[in-house]
């Protein structure tokens, strides 16, 4: 499975003035499956499947509540972009994320 072990992501929140810039993450994409992992008070893992070429739907149980996300990539590029949302009691957190694939390791 190809692994981009030195990737970074930018995360923007609709509901706060907070943004993450250059947050380290690891991305694995293989056979229509994607996994994105990063640290945020512990390991957070989003995983999912490719719905159509370059279009992924992901879920996570590692956030404060049920989380879902989408990521999209243009063939030949090394940037994933999409949206995310986390449902916490009484609140919906949502925003956008952009992941820069870097540090490809040989399988």
N, C-alpha and C. Protein backbone atom coordinates (compact mmCIF):
# COMPACT_ATOMS: atom_id res chain seq x y z
N UNK A 1 0.85 -1.17 0.00
CA UNK A 1 0.00 0.00 0.00
C UNK A 1 0.90 1.24 0.00
N UNK A 2 0.74 2.13 -0.97
CA UNK A 2 1.52 3.37 -0.97
C UNK A 2 1.23 4.21 0.28
N UNK A 3 2.30 4.71 0.91
CA UNK A 3 2.17 5.50 2.13
C UNK A 3 2.91 6.82 1.92
N UNK A 4 2.21 7.93 2.16
CA UNK A 4 2.82 9.25 2.14
C UNK A 4 3.02 9.63 3.61
N UNK A 5 4.21 9.36 4.13
CA UNK A 5 4.46 9.44 5.57
C UNK A 5 4.82 10.84 6.06
N UNK A 6 5.07 11.75 5.16
CA UNK A 6 5.46 13.11 5.55
C UNK A 6 4.47 14.15 5.03
N UNK A 7 3.22 13.74 4.92
CA UNK A 7 2.18 14.64 4.42
C UNK A 7 1.84 15.70 5.46
N UNK A 8 1.25 16.78 5.00
CA UNK A 8 0.75 17.82 5.89
C UNK A 8 -0.66 18.21 5.47
N UNK A 9 -1.41 18.76 6.42
CA UNK A 9 -2.76 19.18 6.08
C UNK A 9 -3.06 20.54 6.70
N UNK A 10 -3.90 21.27 6.00
CA UNK A 10 -4.45 22.52 6.50
C UNK A 10 -5.92 22.25 6.78
N UNK A 11 -6.40 22.70 7.94
CA UNK A 11 -7.79 22.46 8.35
C UNK A 11 -8.40 23.79 8.73
N UNK A 12 -9.59 24.07 8.17
CA UNK A 12 -10.33 25.29 8.46
C UNK A 12 -11.66 24.91 9.08
N UNK A 13 -12.04 25.61 10.13
CA UNK A 13 -13.31 25.39 10.81
C UNK A 13 -14.30 26.48 10.41
N UNK A 14 -15.54 26.11 10.10
CA UNK A 14 -16.58 27.10 9.84
C UNK A 14 -17.01 27.80 11.12
N UNK A 15 -16.93 27.09 12.24
CA UNK A 15 -17.52 27.57 13.49
C UNK A 15 -16.52 28.21 14.44
N UNK A 16 -15.30 28.41 14.04
CA UNK A 16 -14.30 28.99 14.94
C UNK A 16 -13.27 29.77 14.12
N UNK A 17 -12.53 30.59 14.81
CA UNK A 17 -11.48 31.35 14.16
C UNK A 17 -10.16 30.60 14.17
N UNK A 18 -10.23 29.31 14.40
CA UNK A 18 -9.04 28.47 14.51
C UNK A 18 -8.79 27.77 13.18
N UNK A 19 -7.54 27.67 12.81
CA UNK A 19 -7.16 26.89 11.63
C UNK A 19 -5.85 26.18 11.95
N UNK A 20 -5.71 24.99 11.39
CA UNK A 20 -4.46 24.25 11.50
C UNK A 20 -3.71 24.42 10.20
N UNK A 21 -2.46 24.81 10.29
CA UNK A 21 -1.60 24.91 9.11
C UNK A 21 -0.47 23.91 9.26
N UNK A 22 -0.19 23.18 8.20
CA UNK A 22 0.95 22.25 8.16
C UNK A 22 0.91 21.20 9.26
N UNK A 23 -0.28 20.72 9.59
CA UNK A 23 -0.42 19.65 10.58
C UNK A 23 0.11 18.36 9.97
N UNK A 24 1.09 17.70 10.60
CA UNK A 24 1.60 16.44 10.05
C UNK A 24 0.52 15.35 10.00
N UNK A 25 0.56 14.56 8.95
CA UNK A 25 -0.37 13.43 8.83
C UNK A 25 0.26 12.36 7.94
N UNK A 26 -0.33 11.17 8.00
CA UNK A 26 0.11 10.05 7.17
C UNK A 26 -1.10 9.61 6.35
N UNK A 27 -0.89 9.38 5.05
CA UNK A 27 -1.98 8.99 4.15
C UNK A 27 -1.60 7.69 3.44
N UNK A 28 -2.55 6.77 3.41
CA UNK A 28 -2.40 5.51 2.67
C UNK A 28 -3.57 5.42 1.69
N UNK A 29 -3.27 5.13 0.43
CA UNK A 29 -4.31 4.93 -0.58
C UNK A 29 -3.95 3.69 -1.37
N UNK A 30 -4.87 2.74 -1.44
CA UNK A 30 -4.60 1.51 -2.18
C UNK A 30 -5.90 0.78 -2.45
N UNK A 31 -6.09 0.35 -3.69
CA UNK A 31 -7.23 -0.47 -4.05
C UNK A 31 -8.57 0.12 -3.67
N UNK A 32 -8.70 1.44 -3.80
CA UNK A 32 -9.97 2.08 -3.50
C UNK A 32 -10.20 2.34 -2.02
N UNK A 33 -9.19 2.13 -1.19
CA UNK A 33 -9.28 2.38 0.25
C UNK A 33 -8.32 3.51 0.62
N UNK A 34 -8.78 4.43 1.47
CA UNK A 34 -7.93 5.53 1.94
C UNK A 34 -7.93 5.55 3.46
N UNK A 35 -6.78 5.86 4.04
CA UNK A 35 -6.63 6.02 5.48
C UNK A 35 -5.82 7.29 5.72
N UNK A 36 -6.32 8.17 6.58
CA UNK A 36 -5.62 9.39 6.97
C UNK A 36 -5.47 9.36 8.49
N UNK A 37 -4.23 9.53 8.97
CA UNK A 37 -3.97 9.51 10.41
C UNK A 37 -3.20 10.76 10.82
N UNK A 38 -3.57 11.30 11.98
CA UNK A 38 -2.87 12.45 12.54
C UNK A 38 -3.07 12.48 14.05
N UNK A 39 -2.25 13.28 14.72
CA UNK A 39 -2.33 13.41 16.18
C UNK A 39 -3.16 14.63 16.56
N UNK A 40 -4.11 14.44 17.49
CA UNK A 40 -4.89 15.53 18.07
C UNK A 40 -5.35 15.06 19.44
N UNK A 41 -4.50 15.21 20.44
CA UNK A 41 -4.77 14.67 21.77
C UNK A 41 -4.95 13.16 21.68
N UNK A 42 -4.11 12.52 20.90
CA UNK A 42 -4.18 11.09 20.60
C UNK A 42 -4.31 10.88 19.11
N UNK A 43 -4.18 9.64 18.68
CA UNK A 43 -4.24 9.32 17.26
C UNK A 43 -5.67 9.40 16.74
N UNK A 44 -5.86 10.12 15.64
CA UNK A 44 -7.15 10.21 14.95
C UNK A 44 -6.99 9.53 13.61
N UNK A 45 -7.91 8.62 13.29
CA UNK A 45 -7.88 7.89 12.03
C UNK A 45 -9.20 8.07 11.29
N UNK A 46 -9.11 8.55 10.07
CA UNK A 46 -10.25 8.58 9.14
C UNK A 46 -9.97 7.52 8.09
N UNK A 47 -10.96 6.71 7.77
CA UNK A 47 -10.78 5.71 6.72
C UNK A 47 -12.05 5.64 5.89
N UNK A 48 -11.88 5.21 4.65
CA UNK A 48 -13.04 5.12 3.78
C UNK A 48 -12.71 4.50 2.44
N UNK A 49 -13.65 4.65 1.54
CA UNK A 49 -13.55 4.02 0.23
C UNK A 49 -13.74 5.05 -0.88
N UNK A 50 -13.27 4.64 -2.03
CA UNK A 50 -13.38 5.47 -3.23
C UNK A 50 -14.75 5.24 -3.85
N UNK A 51 -15.55 6.31 -3.97
CA UNK A 51 -16.89 6.20 -4.56
C UNK A 51 -16.84 6.26 -6.08
N UNK A 52 -15.91 7.02 -6.60
CA UNK A 52 -15.65 7.17 -8.04
C UNK A 52 -14.17 7.54 -8.12
N UNK A 53 -13.55 7.42 -9.28
CA UNK A 53 -12.12 7.72 -9.36
C UNK A 53 -11.78 9.10 -8.77
N UNK A 54 -10.94 9.07 -7.72
CA UNK A 54 -10.49 10.30 -7.08
C UNK A 54 -11.44 10.91 -6.06
N UNK A 55 -12.55 10.24 -5.75
CA UNK A 55 -13.56 10.77 -4.81
C UNK A 55 -13.77 9.78 -3.67
N UNK A 56 -13.42 10.21 -2.44
CA UNK A 56 -13.45 9.33 -1.29
C UNK A 56 -14.43 9.81 -0.23
N UNK A 57 -15.09 8.87 0.43
CA UNK A 57 -15.95 9.14 1.58
C UNK A 57 -15.33 8.44 2.78
N UNK A 58 -15.09 9.20 3.85
CA UNK A 58 -14.38 8.68 5.03
C UNK A 58 -15.23 8.84 6.29
N UNK A 59 -14.89 8.04 7.30
CA UNK A 59 -15.54 8.11 8.62
C UNK A 59 -14.47 7.94 9.69
N UNK A 60 -14.79 8.44 10.90
CA UNK A 60 -13.89 8.27 12.03
C UNK A 60 -14.70 8.11 13.31
N UNK A 61 -14.19 7.26 14.19
CA UNK A 61 -14.76 7.12 15.53
C UNK A 61 -13.82 7.71 16.57
N UNK A 62 -12.79 8.42 16.13
CA UNK A 62 -11.76 8.93 17.04
C UNK A 62 -11.96 10.38 17.43
N UNK A 63 -13.02 11.02 16.96
CA UNK A 63 -13.29 12.42 17.30
C UNK A 63 -14.19 12.47 18.53
N UNK A 64 -14.70 13.66 18.87
CA UNK A 64 -15.58 13.84 20.03
C UNK A 64 -16.98 13.27 19.79
N UNK A 65 -17.26 12.87 18.57
CA UNK A 65 -18.55 12.30 18.19
C UNK A 65 -18.41 11.70 16.81
N UNK A 66 -19.52 11.19 16.25
CA UNK A 66 -19.44 10.61 14.90
C UNK A 66 -18.91 11.63 13.89
N UNK A 67 -17.96 11.19 13.06
CA UNK A 67 -17.33 12.09 12.11
C UNK A 67 -17.37 11.50 10.70
N UNK A 68 -17.57 12.37 9.73
CA UNK A 68 -17.51 11.96 8.33
C UNK A 68 -16.77 13.03 7.54
N UNK A 69 -16.25 12.63 6.40
CA UNK A 69 -15.48 13.56 5.58
C UNK A 69 -15.47 13.10 4.13
N UNK A 70 -15.14 14.03 3.26
CA UNK A 70 -14.90 13.70 1.86
C UNK A 70 -13.53 14.22 1.48
N UNK A 71 -12.90 13.55 0.54
CA UNK A 71 -11.64 14.00 -0.03
C UNK A 71 -11.67 13.74 -1.53
N UNK A 72 -11.08 14.64 -2.27
CA UNK A 72 -11.06 14.54 -3.73
C UNK A 72 -9.65 14.84 -4.22
N UNK A 73 -9.22 14.13 -5.26
CA UNK A 73 -7.90 14.35 -5.84
C UNK A 73 -8.01 14.32 -7.36
N UNK A 74 -7.29 15.22 -8.00
CA UNK A 74 -7.23 15.25 -9.45
C UNK A 74 -6.10 14.33 -9.89
N UNK A 75 -6.35 13.45 -10.87
CA UNK A 75 -5.28 12.54 -11.31
C UNK A 75 -4.01 13.30 -11.67
N UNK A 76 -2.88 12.75 -11.22
CA UNK A 76 -1.59 13.35 -11.50
C UNK A 76 -1.18 14.43 -10.51
N UNK A 77 -2.03 14.74 -9.54
CA UNK A 77 -1.71 15.77 -8.55
C UNK A 77 -1.48 15.11 -7.20
N UNK A 78 -0.86 15.84 -6.29
CA UNK A 78 -0.55 15.31 -4.97
C UNK A 78 -1.23 16.13 -3.87
N UNK A 79 -2.46 16.60 -4.16
CA UNK A 79 -3.23 17.37 -3.18
C UNK A 79 -4.64 16.79 -3.10
N UNK A 80 -5.05 16.45 -1.88
CA UNK A 80 -6.42 16.02 -1.60
C UNK A 80 -7.16 17.20 -0.97
N UNK A 81 -8.41 17.43 -1.37
CA UNK A 81 -9.21 18.51 -0.79
C UNK A 81 -10.61 17.99 -0.51
N UNK A 82 -11.23 18.52 0.55
CA UNK A 82 -12.57 18.09 0.86
C UNK A 82 -13.14 18.80 2.08
N UNK A 83 -14.22 18.21 2.60
CA UNK A 83 -14.91 18.76 3.76
C UNK A 83 -15.01 17.70 4.85
N UNK A 84 -15.35 18.13 6.07
CA UNK A 84 -15.49 17.22 7.19
C UNK A 84 -16.56 17.76 8.14
N UNK A 85 -17.12 16.86 8.94
CA UNK A 85 -18.03 17.28 10.00
C UNK A 85 -17.98 16.29 11.15
N UNK A 86 -18.14 16.83 12.36
CA UNK A 86 -18.17 16.03 13.58
C UNK A 86 -19.42 16.44 14.35
N UNK A 87 -20.22 15.47 14.74
CA UNK A 87 -21.43 15.74 15.52
C UNK A 87 -21.13 15.46 16.98
N UNK A 88 -21.13 16.52 17.78
CA UNK A 88 -20.95 16.38 19.23
C UNK A 88 -22.28 16.77 19.87
N UNK A 89 -22.54 16.34 21.10
CA UNK A 89 -23.82 16.66 21.72
C UNK A 89 -24.15 18.15 21.65
N UNK A 90 -25.24 18.48 20.98
CA UNK A 90 -25.69 19.85 20.88
C UNK A 90 -24.93 20.74 19.92
N UNK A 91 -24.05 20.15 19.12
CA UNK A 91 -23.22 20.99 18.25
C UNK A 91 -22.78 20.22 17.02
N UNK A 92 -22.72 20.92 15.90
CA UNK A 92 -22.16 20.37 14.66
C UNK A 92 -20.90 21.16 14.34
N UNK A 93 -19.75 20.49 14.32
CA UNK A 93 -18.50 21.12 13.91
C UNK A 93 -18.26 20.73 12.46
N UNK A 94 -17.87 21.68 11.65
CA UNK A 94 -17.61 21.35 10.25
C UNK A 94 -16.59 22.30 9.67
N UNK A 95 -16.01 21.86 8.56
CA UNK A 95 -15.00 22.69 7.92
C UNK A 95 -14.43 22.05 6.67
N UNK A 96 -13.29 22.54 6.26
CA UNK A 96 -12.61 22.08 5.04
C UNK A 96 -11.21 21.62 5.41
N UNK A 97 -10.68 20.71 4.61
CA UNK A 97 -9.29 20.31 4.79
C UNK A 97 -8.62 20.10 3.45
N UNK A 98 -7.32 20.33 3.46
CA UNK A 98 -6.49 20.17 2.26
C UNK A 98 -5.24 19.42 2.71
N UNK A 99 -4.95 18.31 2.03
CA UNK A 99 -3.82 17.47 2.40
C UNK A 99 -2.81 17.46 1.26
N UNK A 100 -1.56 17.76 1.61
CA UNK A 100 -0.45 17.77 0.65
C UNK A 100 0.32 16.47 0.82
N UNK A 101 0.22 15.58 -0.17
CA UNK A 101 0.88 14.28 -0.11
C UNK A 101 2.38 14.46 -0.31
N UNK A 102 3.17 13.97 0.67
CA UNK A 102 4.62 14.11 0.62
C UNK A 102 5.26 12.89 1.27
N UNK A 103 6.47 12.60 0.87
CA UNK A 103 7.23 11.52 1.50
C UNK A 103 6.75 10.14 1.12
N UNK A 104 6.50 9.90 -0.16
CA UNK A 104 6.03 8.59 -0.62
C UNK A 104 7.05 7.51 -0.29
N UNK A 105 6.60 6.47 0.40
CA UNK A 105 7.45 5.34 0.73
C UNK A 105 7.12 4.19 -0.21
N UNK A 106 8.12 3.47 -0.61
CA UNK A 106 7.91 2.30 -1.46
C UNK A 106 7.16 1.23 -0.67
N UNK A 107 6.23 0.53 -1.33
CA UNK A 107 5.47 -0.51 -0.61
C UNK A 107 6.36 -1.65 -0.16
